[in-house]
């Protein structure tokens, strides 16, 4: 893992990118996106995760976050472990046209990594970047919210349902956030 992309300050504010193995487009399915949203909401309410911005794209998630209990690495680890388990279960048991292909990708990734079990869903890295300066934090906030616009999914950031851009625009949103 690159030296510069680790969570060193467990109580600090971080910009994180959580990526699915091989950039598999798992979150193109609503039920898989909803697992992520429900888990983020749980972590915010029950584990002290402060979420200042988020976006769920088709194969990765961006977060601007910190932990109240100075345990950010632990909360993110638990989030990734739980969501991987739930999404893999959903892929295996619910109708999914790409089931065999996806499970083979996740199985292959696990075989090449000694830290993984039978399947590896998330990459081990979180691409953590510390947000110390206000202008850098604002840049990351804008980057997160404009990700669906750059991908061509929507014209305005607040039109993407799975993003905190809706919270900042005062629109109905899927989860509560902590405003900057």
N, C-alpha and C. Protein backbone atom coordinates (compact mmCIF):
# COMPACT_ATOMS: atom_id res chain seq x y z
N UNK A 1 0.85 -1.17 0.00
CA UNK A 1 0.00 0.00 0.00
C UNK A 1 0.90 1.23 0.00
N UNK A 2 0.61 2.23 -0.83
CA UNK A 2 1.44 3.42 -0.85
C UNK A 2 1.46 4.12 0.51
N UNK A 3 2.62 4.62 0.89
CA UNK A 3 2.79 5.28 2.18
C UNK A 3 1.81 6.44 2.40
N UNK A 4 1.58 7.24 1.39
CA UNK A 4 0.80 8.46 1.55
C UNK A 4 -0.70 8.26 1.64
N UNK A 5 -1.20 7.05 1.48
CA UNK A 5 -2.65 6.84 1.42
C UNK A 5 -3.18 6.00 2.57
N UNK A 6 -2.65 6.21 3.75
CA UNK A 6 -3.09 5.47 4.92
C UNK A 6 -3.73 6.42 5.92
N UNK A 7 -4.57 5.87 6.78
CA UNK A 7 -5.17 6.66 7.84
C UNK A 7 -4.20 6.67 9.01
N UNK A 8 -3.51 7.79 9.18
CA UNK A 8 -2.54 7.91 10.27
C UNK A 8 -3.17 8.54 11.51
N UNK A 9 -4.02 9.51 11.31
CA UNK A 9 -4.67 10.21 12.42
C UNK A 9 -6.10 9.68 12.52
N UNK A 10 -6.35 8.80 13.47
CA UNK A 10 -7.65 8.12 13.59
C UNK A 10 -8.79 9.08 13.92
N UNK A 11 -8.48 10.29 14.34
CA UNK A 11 -9.52 11.27 14.63
C UNK A 11 -9.59 12.36 13.57
N UNK A 12 -8.80 12.22 12.52
CA UNK A 12 -8.74 13.25 11.49
C UNK A 12 -9.84 13.13 10.44
N UNK A 13 -9.99 14.20 9.67
CA UNK A 13 -10.93 14.23 8.56
C UNK A 13 -10.21 13.67 7.33
N UNK A 14 -10.86 12.72 6.64
CA UNK A 14 -10.24 12.07 5.49
C UNK A 14 -11.18 12.02 4.29
N UNK A 15 -10.57 12.12 3.13
CA UNK A 15 -11.22 11.82 1.86
C UNK A 15 -10.83 10.38 1.54
N UNK A 16 -11.84 9.51 1.39
CA UNK A 16 -11.59 8.10 1.13
C UNK A 16 -12.22 7.67 -0.18
N UNK A 17 -11.57 6.73 -0.85
CA UNK A 17 -12.14 6.07 -2.02
C UNK A 17 -12.12 4.58 -1.74
N UNK A 18 -13.30 3.99 -1.66
CA UNK A 18 -13.44 2.55 -1.45
C UNK A 18 -13.82 1.95 -2.80
N UNK A 19 -12.97 1.07 -3.29
CA UNK A 19 -13.10 0.56 -4.66
C UNK A 19 -13.38 -0.94 -4.67
N UNK A 20 -14.32 -1.33 -5.51
CA UNK A 20 -14.62 -2.75 -5.72
C UNK A 20 -13.48 -3.35 -6.55
N UNK A 21 -13.12 -4.59 -6.25
CA UNK A 21 -12.09 -5.32 -6.99
C UNK A 21 -12.35 -5.22 -8.49
N UNK A 22 -11.29 -4.97 -9.24
CA UNK A 22 -11.35 -4.91 -10.71
C UNK A 22 -12.39 -3.93 -11.24
N UNK A 23 -12.77 -2.96 -10.42
CA UNK A 23 -13.75 -1.95 -10.83
C UNK A 23 -15.04 -2.58 -11.35
N UNK A 24 -15.45 -3.71 -10.75
CA UNK A 24 -16.68 -4.39 -11.15
C UNK A 24 -17.87 -3.48 -10.80
N UNK A 25 -18.76 -3.27 -11.75
CA UNK A 25 -19.89 -2.36 -11.60
C UNK A 25 -21.03 -2.99 -10.79
N UNK A 26 -20.77 -3.25 -9.53
CA UNK A 26 -21.75 -3.88 -8.66
C UNK A 26 -22.88 -2.92 -8.30
N UNK A 27 -22.54 -1.65 -8.12
CA UNK A 27 -23.53 -0.69 -7.65
C UNK A 27 -24.39 -0.13 -8.77
N UNK A 28 -24.37 -0.78 -9.90
CA UNK A 28 -25.33 -0.44 -10.95
C UNK A 28 -26.70 -1.02 -10.59
N UNK A 29 -26.74 -1.88 -9.58
CA UNK A 29 -27.99 -2.48 -9.10
C UNK A 29 -28.44 -1.75 -7.84
N UNK A 30 -29.71 -1.36 -7.81
CA UNK A 30 -30.27 -0.62 -6.68
C UNK A 30 -30.12 -1.36 -5.36
N UNK A 31 -30.39 -2.66 -5.36
CA UNK A 31 -30.32 -3.41 -4.10
C UNK A 31 -28.90 -3.37 -3.51
N UNK A 32 -27.88 -3.34 -4.35
CA UNK A 32 -26.51 -3.28 -3.85
C UNK A 32 -26.18 -1.87 -3.35
N UNK A 33 -26.65 -0.86 -4.05
CA UNK A 33 -26.46 0.52 -3.58
C UNK A 33 -27.15 0.72 -2.24
N UNK A 34 -28.33 0.13 -2.10
CA UNK A 34 -29.08 0.29 -0.86
C UNK A 34 -28.37 -0.36 0.33
N UNK A 35 -27.67 -1.45 0.10
CA UNK A 35 -26.87 -2.06 1.17
C UNK A 35 -25.82 -1.06 1.64
N UNK A 36 -25.19 -0.38 0.70
CA UNK A 36 -24.17 0.62 1.05
C UNK A 36 -24.80 1.76 1.85
N UNK A 37 -25.90 2.30 1.35
CA UNK A 37 -26.58 3.42 2.02
C UNK A 37 -27.02 3.04 3.42
N UNK A 38 -27.66 1.88 3.56
CA UNK A 38 -28.12 1.44 4.88
C UNK A 38 -26.95 1.23 5.83
N UNK A 39 -25.83 0.74 5.32
CA UNK A 39 -24.65 0.52 6.16
C UNK A 39 -24.00 1.84 6.57
N UNK A 40 -23.95 2.79 5.65
CA UNK A 40 -23.42 4.12 6.00
C UNK A 40 -24.29 4.75 7.09
N UNK A 41 -25.60 4.64 6.93
CA UNK A 41 -26.53 5.19 7.91
C UNK A 41 -26.32 4.53 9.27
N UNK A 42 -26.16 3.21 9.28
CA UNK A 42 -25.90 2.49 10.53
C UNK A 42 -24.59 2.95 11.18
N UNK A 43 -23.54 3.05 10.38
CA UNK A 43 -22.25 3.47 10.92
C UNK A 43 -22.31 4.89 11.48
N UNK A 44 -23.09 5.73 10.86
CA UNK A 44 -23.25 7.10 11.35
C UNK A 44 -24.01 7.11 12.68
N UNK A 45 -25.09 6.34 12.77
CA UNK A 45 -25.93 6.36 13.96
C UNK A 45 -25.37 5.53 15.12
N UNK A 46 -24.71 4.42 14.79
CA UNK A 46 -24.31 3.47 15.83
C UNK A 46 -22.81 3.40 16.10
N UNK A 47 -22.00 3.82 15.15
CA UNK A 47 -20.55 3.67 15.30
C UNK A 47 -19.82 5.01 15.33
N UNK A 48 -20.56 6.11 15.27
CA UNK A 48 -19.94 7.42 15.38
C UNK A 48 -19.23 7.91 14.13
N UNK A 49 -19.57 7.35 12.98
CA UNK A 49 -18.97 7.82 11.73
C UNK A 49 -19.62 9.14 11.35
N UNK A 50 -18.81 10.16 11.21
CA UNK A 50 -19.31 11.46 10.77
C UNK A 50 -19.11 11.53 9.27
N UNK A 51 -20.22 11.65 8.55
CA UNK A 51 -20.18 11.68 7.09
C UNK A 51 -20.48 13.10 6.64
N UNK A 52 -19.48 13.75 6.03
CA UNK A 52 -19.64 15.12 5.55
C UNK A 52 -19.99 15.14 4.07
N UNK A 53 -19.62 14.11 3.36
CA UNK A 53 -19.97 13.98 1.94
C UNK A 53 -19.80 12.53 1.55
N UNK A 54 -20.63 12.11 0.60
CA UNK A 54 -20.51 10.75 0.05
C UNK A 54 -21.09 10.73 -1.35
N UNK A 55 -20.64 9.78 -2.12
CA UNK A 55 -21.27 9.45 -3.38
C UNK A 55 -21.04 7.97 -3.63
N UNK A 56 -22.09 7.29 -4.09
CA UNK A 56 -21.98 5.89 -4.48
C UNK A 56 -22.04 5.86 -6.00
N UNK A 57 -20.94 5.46 -6.61
CA UNK A 57 -20.86 5.32 -8.06
C UNK A 57 -21.08 3.84 -8.40
N UNK A 58 -20.87 3.44 -9.63
CA UNK A 58 -21.17 2.06 -10.01
C UNK A 58 -20.16 1.05 -9.47
N UNK A 59 -18.94 1.49 -9.17
CA UNK A 59 -17.90 0.55 -8.73
C UNK A 59 -17.00 1.08 -7.62
N UNK A 60 -17.36 2.22 -7.08
CA UNK A 60 -16.59 2.79 -5.97
C UNK A 60 -17.44 3.78 -5.20
N UNK A 61 -16.93 4.14 -4.04
CA UNK A 61 -17.58 5.10 -3.15
C UNK A 61 -16.54 6.13 -2.75
N UNK A 62 -16.94 7.38 -2.71
CA UNK A 62 -16.10 8.44 -2.15
C UNK A 62 -16.76 8.91 -0.86
N UNK A 63 -15.94 9.15 0.14
CA UNK A 63 -16.41 9.66 1.43
C UNK A 63 -15.52 10.80 1.89
N UNK A 64 -16.12 11.77 2.52
CA UNK A 64 -15.40 12.79 3.29
C UNK A 64 -15.89 12.55 4.71
N UNK A 65 -15.02 12.01 5.57
CA UNK A 65 -15.49 11.44 6.83
C UNK A 65 -14.46 11.50 7.94
N UNK A 66 -14.94 11.31 9.14
CA UNK A 66 -14.09 11.13 10.32
C UNK A 66 -14.89 10.35 11.35
N UNK A 67 -14.23 9.90 12.41
CA UNK A 67 -14.91 9.10 13.44
C UNK A 67 -14.86 9.81 14.78
N UNK A 68 -16.00 9.88 15.45
CA UNK A 68 -16.11 10.56 16.75
C UNK A 68 -15.21 9.91 17.80
N UNK A 69 -15.05 8.60 17.71
CA UNK A 69 -14.30 7.86 18.72
C UNK A 69 -12.83 7.66 18.35
N UNK A 70 -12.35 8.40 17.37
CA UNK A 70 -10.95 8.31 16.93
C UNK A 70 -10.58 6.87 16.54
N UNK A 71 -11.49 6.22 15.80
CA UNK A 71 -11.28 4.84 15.37
C UNK A 71 -11.69 4.67 13.90
N UNK A 72 -11.33 5.60 13.06
CA UNK A 72 -11.78 5.60 11.68
C UNK A 72 -11.41 4.31 10.95
N UNK A 73 -10.20 3.83 11.11
CA UNK A 73 -9.79 2.59 10.44
C UNK A 73 -10.68 1.42 10.83
N UNK A 74 -11.01 1.32 12.09
CA UNK A 74 -11.86 0.22 12.55
C UNK A 74 -13.27 0.31 11.98
N UNK A 75 -13.83 1.51 11.96
CA UNK A 75 -15.18 1.68 11.44
C UNK A 75 -15.22 1.35 9.95
N UNK A 76 -14.24 1.82 9.20
CA UNK A 76 -14.20 1.55 7.76
C UNK A 76 -13.97 0.06 7.51
N UNK A 77 -13.10 -0.56 8.29
CA UNK A 77 -12.87 -2.01 8.16
C UNK A 77 -14.18 -2.77 8.38
N UNK A 78 -14.90 -2.43 9.44
CA UNK A 78 -16.16 -3.11 9.74
C UNK A 78 -17.20 -2.86 8.66
N UNK A 79 -17.26 -1.62 8.16
CA UNK A 79 -18.18 -1.27 7.09
C UNK A 79 -17.89 -2.11 5.85
N UNK A 80 -16.64 -2.20 5.47
CA UNK A 80 -16.27 -2.95 4.27
C UNK A 80 -16.54 -4.45 4.46
N UNK A 81 -16.25 -4.98 5.63
CA UNK A 81 -16.48 -6.40 5.89
C UNK A 81 -17.98 -6.72 5.82
N UNK A 82 -18.79 -5.91 6.47
CA UNK A 82 -20.23 -6.15 6.48
C UNK A 82 -20.84 -5.99 5.09
N UNK A 83 -20.51 -4.90 4.41
CA UNK A 83 -21.11 -4.67 3.08
C UNK A 83 -20.67 -5.74 2.09
N UNK A 84 -19.41 -6.16 2.16
CA UNK A 84 -18.94 -7.23 1.27
C UNK A 84 -19.76 -8.49 1.50
N UNK A 85 -19.94 -8.85 2.74
CA UNK A 85 -20.71 -10.05 3.08
C UNK A 85 -22.14 -9.95 2.55
N UNK A 86 -22.79 -8.84 2.79
CA UNK A 86 -24.18 -8.66 2.38
C UNK A 86 -24.33 -8.62 0.86
N UNK A 87 -23.43 -7.93 0.19
CA UNK A 87 -23.53 -7.83 -1.27
C UNK A 87 -23.21 -9.17 -1.93
N UNK A 88 -22.20 -9.87 -1.44
CA UNK A 88 -21.88 -11.19 -1.99
C UNK A 88 -23.05 -12.15 -1.80
N UNK A 89 -23.69 -12.08 -0.66
CA UNK A 89 -24.87 -12.91 -0.40
C UNK A 89 -25.99 -12.55 -1.38
N UNK A 90 -26.21 -11.26 -1.60
CA UNK A 90 -27.24 -10.81 -2.54
C UNK A 90 -26.93 -11.28 -3.96
N UNK A 91 -25.69 -11.17 -4.36
CA UNK A 91 -25.30 -11.61 -5.71
C UNK A 91 -25.56 -13.10 -5.87
N UNK A 92 -25.24 -13.87 -4.85
CA UNK A 92 -25.37 -15.32 -4.93
C UNK A 92 -26.82 -15.80 -4.88
N UNK A 93 -27.71 -15.05 -4.22
CA UNK A 93 -29.06 -15.56 -3.98
C UNK A 93 -30.17 -14.84 -4.75
N UNK A 94 -29.91 -13.61 -5.17
CA UNK A 94 -30.94 -12.85 -5.88
C UNK A 94 -30.71 -12.92 -7.38
N UNK A 95 -31.74 -12.63 -8.16
CA UNK A 95 -31.54 -12.62 -9.62
C UNK A 95 -30.45 -11.63 -10.03
N UNK A 96 -29.44 -12.12 -10.72
CA UNK A 96 -28.31 -11.29 -11.16
C UNK A 96 -27.73 -11.94 -12.40
N UNK A 97 -27.88 -11.28 -13.53
CA UNK A 97 -27.42 -11.84 -14.80
C UNK A 97 -25.91 -12.02 -14.86
N UNK A 98 -25.19 -11.26 -14.06
CA UNK A 98 -23.72 -11.33 -14.08
C UNK A 98 -23.15 -12.12 -12.91
N UNK A 99 -24.00 -12.89 -12.23
CA UNK A 99 -23.60 -13.58 -11.00
C UNK A 99 -22.33 -14.41 -11.17
N UNK A 100 -22.30 -15.33 -12.12
CA UNK A 100 -21.15 -16.22 -12.27
C UNK A 100 -19.88 -15.43 -12.56
N UNK A 101 -19.97 -14.48 -13.47
CA UNK A 101 -18.80 -13.68 -13.82
C UNK A 101 -18.28 -12.89 -12.61
N UNK A 102 -19.19 -12.23 -11.87
CA UNK A 102 -18.75 -11.44 -10.71
C UNK A 102 -18.14 -12.32 -9.63
N UNK A 103 -18.79 -13.41 -9.30
CA UNK A 103 -18.26 -14.28 -8.25
C UNK A 103 -16.90 -14.85 -8.63
N UNK A 104 -16.70 -15.17 -9.91
CA UNK A 104 -15.39 -15.66 -10.36
C UNK A 104 -14.32 -14.56 -10.23
N UNK A 105 -14.66 -13.31 -10.51
CA UNK A 105 -13.71 -12.19 -10.35
C UNK A 105 -13.32 -12.06 -8.88
N UNK A 106 -14.32 -12.12 -8.00
CA UNK A 106 -14.06 -11.96 -6.56
C UNK A 106 -13.29 -13.16 -5.99
N UNK A 107 -13.56 -14.34 -6.52
CA UNK A 107 -12.83 -15.54 -6.09
C UNK A 107 -11.37 -15.46 -6.55
N UNK A 108 -11.16 -15.06 -7.80
CA UNK A 108 -9.81 -14.94 -8.33
C UNK A 108 -8.99 -13.92 -7.53
N UNK A 109 -9.61 -12.80 -7.19
CA UNK A 109 -8.93 -11.77 -6.40
C UNK A 109 -8.54 -12.30 -5.03
N UNK A 110 -9.40 -13.09 -4.42
CA UNK A 110 -9.11 -13.64 -3.10
C UNK A 110 -7.96 -14.64 -3.15
N UNK A 111 -7.87 -15.42 -4.22
CA UNK A 111 -6.79 -16.42 -4.33
C UNK A 111 -5.43 -15.74 -4.43
N UNK A 112 -5.38 -14.55 -4.97
CA UNK A 112 -4.09 -13.87 -5.14
C UNK A 112 -3.73 -13.00 -3.95
N UNK A 113 -4.51 -13.08 -2.88
CA UNK A 113 -4.25 -12.26 -1.70
C UNK A 113 -4.41 -13.10 -0.45
N UNK A 114 -3.38 -13.22 0.33
CA UNK A 114 -3.41 -14.09 1.52
C UNK A 114 -4.33 -13.56 2.62
N UNK A 115 -4.66 -12.25 2.59
CA UNK A 115 -5.53 -11.68 3.62
C UNK A 115 -7.00 -11.96 3.37
N UNK A 116 -7.35 -12.50 2.24
CA UNK A 116 -8.75 -12.67 1.88
C UNK A 116 -9.23 -14.09 2.11
N UNK A 117 -10.54 -14.23 2.24
CA UNK A 117 -11.13 -15.54 2.38
C UNK A 117 -11.46 -16.08 0.98
N UNK A 118 -12.63 -16.66 0.81
CA UNK A 118 -12.98 -17.26 -0.47
C UNK A 118 -13.23 -16.20 -1.55
N UNK A 119 -13.82 -15.06 -1.14
CA UNK A 119 -14.07 -13.97 -2.06
C UNK A 119 -13.43 -12.69 -1.52
N UNK A 120 -12.96 -11.86 -2.42
CA UNK A 120 -12.52 -10.52 -2.05
C UNK A 120 -13.36 -9.54 -2.84
N UNK A 121 -14.12 -8.71 -2.13
CA UNK A 121 -15.02 -7.76 -2.77
C UNK A 121 -14.37 -6.38 -2.93
N UNK A 122 -13.87 -5.84 -1.82
CA UNK A 122 -13.23 -4.52 -1.83
C UNK A 122 -11.72 -4.66 -1.99
N UNK A 123 -11.08 -3.67 -2.59
CA UNK A 123 -9.62 -3.62 -2.52
C UNK A 123 -9.26 -3.34 -1.07
N UNK A 124 -8.06 -3.66 -0.68
CA UNK A 124 -7.64 -3.43 0.71
C UNK A 124 -7.32 -1.97 0.99
N UNK A 125 -7.05 -1.21 -0.03
CA UNK A 125 -6.72 0.19 0.15
C UNK A 125 -7.99 1.02 0.30
N UNK A 126 -7.87 2.13 0.99
CA UNK A 126 -8.97 3.09 1.12
C UNK A 126 -8.63 4.41 0.46
N UNK A 127 -7.45 4.49 -0.13
CA UNK A 127 -6.94 5.72 -0.76
C UNK A 127 -7.24 6.91 0.14
N UNK A 128 -6.79 6.83 1.38
CA UNK A 128 -7.07 7.85 2.38
C UNK A 128 -6.16 9.06 2.19
N UNK A 129 -6.79 10.22 2.09
CA UNK A 129 -6.06 11.49 1.99
C UNK A 129 -6.56 12.39 3.11
N UNK A 130 -5.64 12.81 3.96
CA UNK A 130 -5.97 13.68 5.08
C UNK A 130 -6.39 15.06 4.58
N UNK A 131 -7.46 15.57 5.16
CA UNK A 131 -7.98 16.89 4.78
C UNK A 131 -7.72 17.86 5.93
N UNK A 132 -6.61 18.55 5.86
CA UNK A 132 -6.22 19.46 6.92
C UNK A 132 -6.63 20.90 6.58
N UNK A 133 -6.43 21.28 5.34
CA UNK A 133 -6.70 22.66 4.92
C UNK A 133 -8.13 22.78 4.38
N UNK A 134 -8.78 23.90 4.68
CA UNK A 134 -10.17 24.13 4.29
C UNK A 134 -10.35 24.14 2.77
N UNK A 135 -9.42 24.75 2.05
CA UNK A 135 -9.58 24.81 0.59
C UNK A 135 -9.44 23.43 -0.05
N UNK A 136 -8.58 22.58 0.49
CA UNK A 136 -8.43 21.21 -0.01
C UNK A 136 -9.70 20.41 0.29
N UNK A 137 -10.25 20.58 1.49
CA UNK A 137 -11.48 19.90 1.88
C UNK A 137 -12.63 20.31 0.96
N UNK A 138 -12.73 21.59 0.66
CA UNK A 138 -13.77 22.08 -0.26
C UNK A 138 -13.58 21.49 -1.65
N UNK A 139 -12.34 21.38 -2.10
CA UNK A 139 -12.05 20.77 -3.40
C UNK A 139 -12.55 19.32 -3.43
N UNK A 140 -12.30 18.57 -2.37
CA UNK A 140 -12.73 17.17 -2.31
C UNK A 140 -14.25 17.06 -2.21
N UNK A 141 -14.87 17.97 -1.49
CA UNK A 141 -16.33 18.01 -1.42
C UNK A 141 -16.92 18.21 -2.81
N UNK A 142 -16.39 19.16 -3.55
CA UNK A 142 -16.86 19.42 -4.91
C UNK A 142 -16.58 18.22 -5.83
N UNK A 143 -15.41 17.60 -5.67
CA UNK A 143 -15.06 16.44 -6.47
C UNK A 143 -16.07 15.31 -6.25
N UNK A 144 -16.37 15.04 -4.99
CA UNK A 144 -17.33 13.98 -4.65
C UNK A 144 -18.68 14.26 -5.30
N UNK A 145 -19.18 15.46 -5.12
CA UNK A 145 -20.52 15.79 -5.61
C UNK A 145 -20.59 15.86 -7.13
N UNK A 146 -19.50 16.19 -7.78
CA UNK A 146 -19.51 16.29 -9.24
C UNK A 146 -19.14 14.99 -9.94
N UNK A 147 -18.81 13.96 -9.20
CA UNK A 147 -18.45 12.67 -9.81
C UNK A 147 -19.53 12.13 -10.74
N UNK A 148 -20.81 12.11 -10.36
CA UNK A 148 -21.84 11.62 -11.29
C UNK A 148 -22.04 12.53 -12.51
N UNK A 149 -21.75 13.80 -12.36
CA UNK A 149 -21.84 14.74 -13.50
C UNK A 149 -20.73 14.41 -14.49
N UNK A 150 -19.50 14.25 -13.99
CA UNK A 150 -18.37 13.92 -14.85
C UNK A 150 -18.57 12.58 -15.55
N UNK A 151 -19.25 11.65 -14.87
CA UNK A 151 -19.52 10.32 -15.46
C UNK A 151 -20.65 10.37 -16.48
N UNK A 152 -21.34 11.48 -16.57
CA UNK A 152 -22.42 11.62 -17.54
C UNK A 152 -23.75 11.03 -17.08
N UNK A 153 -23.90 10.77 -15.79
CA UNK A 153 -25.14 10.19 -15.27
C UNK A 153 -26.23 11.24 -15.05
N UNK A 154 -25.83 12.44 -14.66
CA UNK A 154 -26.76 13.52 -14.37
C UNK A 154 -26.18 14.84 -14.85
N UNK A 155 -27.03 15.85 -14.94
CA UNK A 155 -26.56 17.18 -15.33
C UNK A 155 -26.11 18.00 -14.12
N UNK A 156 -26.81 17.81 -12.98
CA UNK A 156 -26.50 18.56 -11.77
C UNK A 156 -26.18 17.58 -10.65
N UNK A 157 -25.22 17.89 -9.79
CA UNK A 157 -24.85 16.97 -8.71
C UNK A 157 -26.03 16.54 -7.84
N UNK A 158 -26.94 17.45 -7.55
CA UNK A 158 -28.05 17.12 -6.65
C UNK A 158 -29.08 16.19 -7.29
N UNK A 159 -28.94 15.91 -8.59
CA UNK A 159 -29.85 14.97 -9.25
C UNK A 159 -29.47 13.51 -8.98
N UNK A 160 -28.26 13.26 -8.50
CA UNK A 160 -27.81 11.89 -8.21
C UNK A 160 -28.34 11.50 -6.83
N UNK A 161 -29.26 10.54 -6.78
CA UNK A 161 -29.92 10.16 -5.54
C UNK A 161 -28.94 9.64 -4.48
N UNK A 162 -27.88 8.98 -4.92
CA UNK A 162 -26.94 8.34 -3.99
C UNK A 162 -25.74 9.25 -3.72
N UNK A 163 -26.05 10.46 -3.30
CA UNK A 163 -25.00 11.45 -3.05
C UNK A 163 -25.47 12.45 -2.00
N UNK A 164 -24.53 12.95 -1.23
CA UNK A 164 -24.84 13.99 -0.25
C UNK A 164 -25.04 15.35 -0.90
N UNK A 165 -24.84 15.46 -2.19
CA UNK A 165 -25.13 16.72 -2.88
C UNK A 165 -26.58 17.10 -2.66
N UNK A 166 -27.45 16.11 -2.53
CA UNK A 166 -28.86 16.37 -2.27
C UNK A 166 -29.04 17.02 -0.90
N UNK A 167 -28.30 16.56 0.10
CA UNK A 167 -28.38 17.16 1.44
C UNK A 167 -27.98 18.63 1.38
N UNK A 168 -26.85 18.89 0.70
CA UNK A 168 -26.34 20.27 0.62
C UNK A 168 -27.28 21.17 -0.18
N UNK A 169 -28.07 20.59 -1.08
CA UNK A 169 -29.03 21.36 -1.89
C UNK A 169 -30.38 21.51 -1.18
N UNK A 170 -30.52 20.90 0.01
CA UNK A 170 -31.76 20.99 0.75
C UNK A 170 -32.87 20.09 0.22
N UNK A 171 -32.50 19.06 -0.53
CA UNK A 171 -33.48 18.13 -1.11
C UNK A 171 -33.62 16.88 -0.24
N UNK A 172 -34.67 16.12 -0.50
CA UNK A 172 -34.86 14.84 0.18
C UNK A 172 -33.64 13.97 -0.11
N UNK A 173 -33.11 13.36 0.92
CA UNK A 173 -31.91 12.54 0.74
C UNK A 173 -32.11 11.18 1.41
N UNK A 174 -31.23 10.26 1.08
CA UNK A 174 -31.36 8.89 1.58
C UNK A 174 -30.89 8.75 3.03
N UNK A 175 -29.88 9.50 3.41
CA UNK A 175 -29.38 9.47 4.79
C UNK A 175 -29.04 10.88 5.23
N UNK A 176 -29.03 11.06 6.54
CA UNK A 176 -28.57 12.32 7.11
C UNK A 176 -27.05 12.37 7.03
N UNK A 177 -26.53 13.57 6.97
CA UNK A 177 -25.08 13.74 6.98
C UNK A 177 -24.72 14.78 8.03
N UNK A 178 -23.43 14.96 8.23
CA UNK A 178 -22.90 16.01 9.09
C UNK A 178 -22.35 17.09 8.17
N UNK A 179 -22.93 18.25 8.21
CA UNK A 179 -22.50 19.32 7.29
C UNK A 179 -21.18 19.91 7.74
N UNK A 180 -20.38 20.31 6.74
CA UNK A 180 -19.12 20.99 7.04
C UNK A 180 -19.39 22.39 7.52
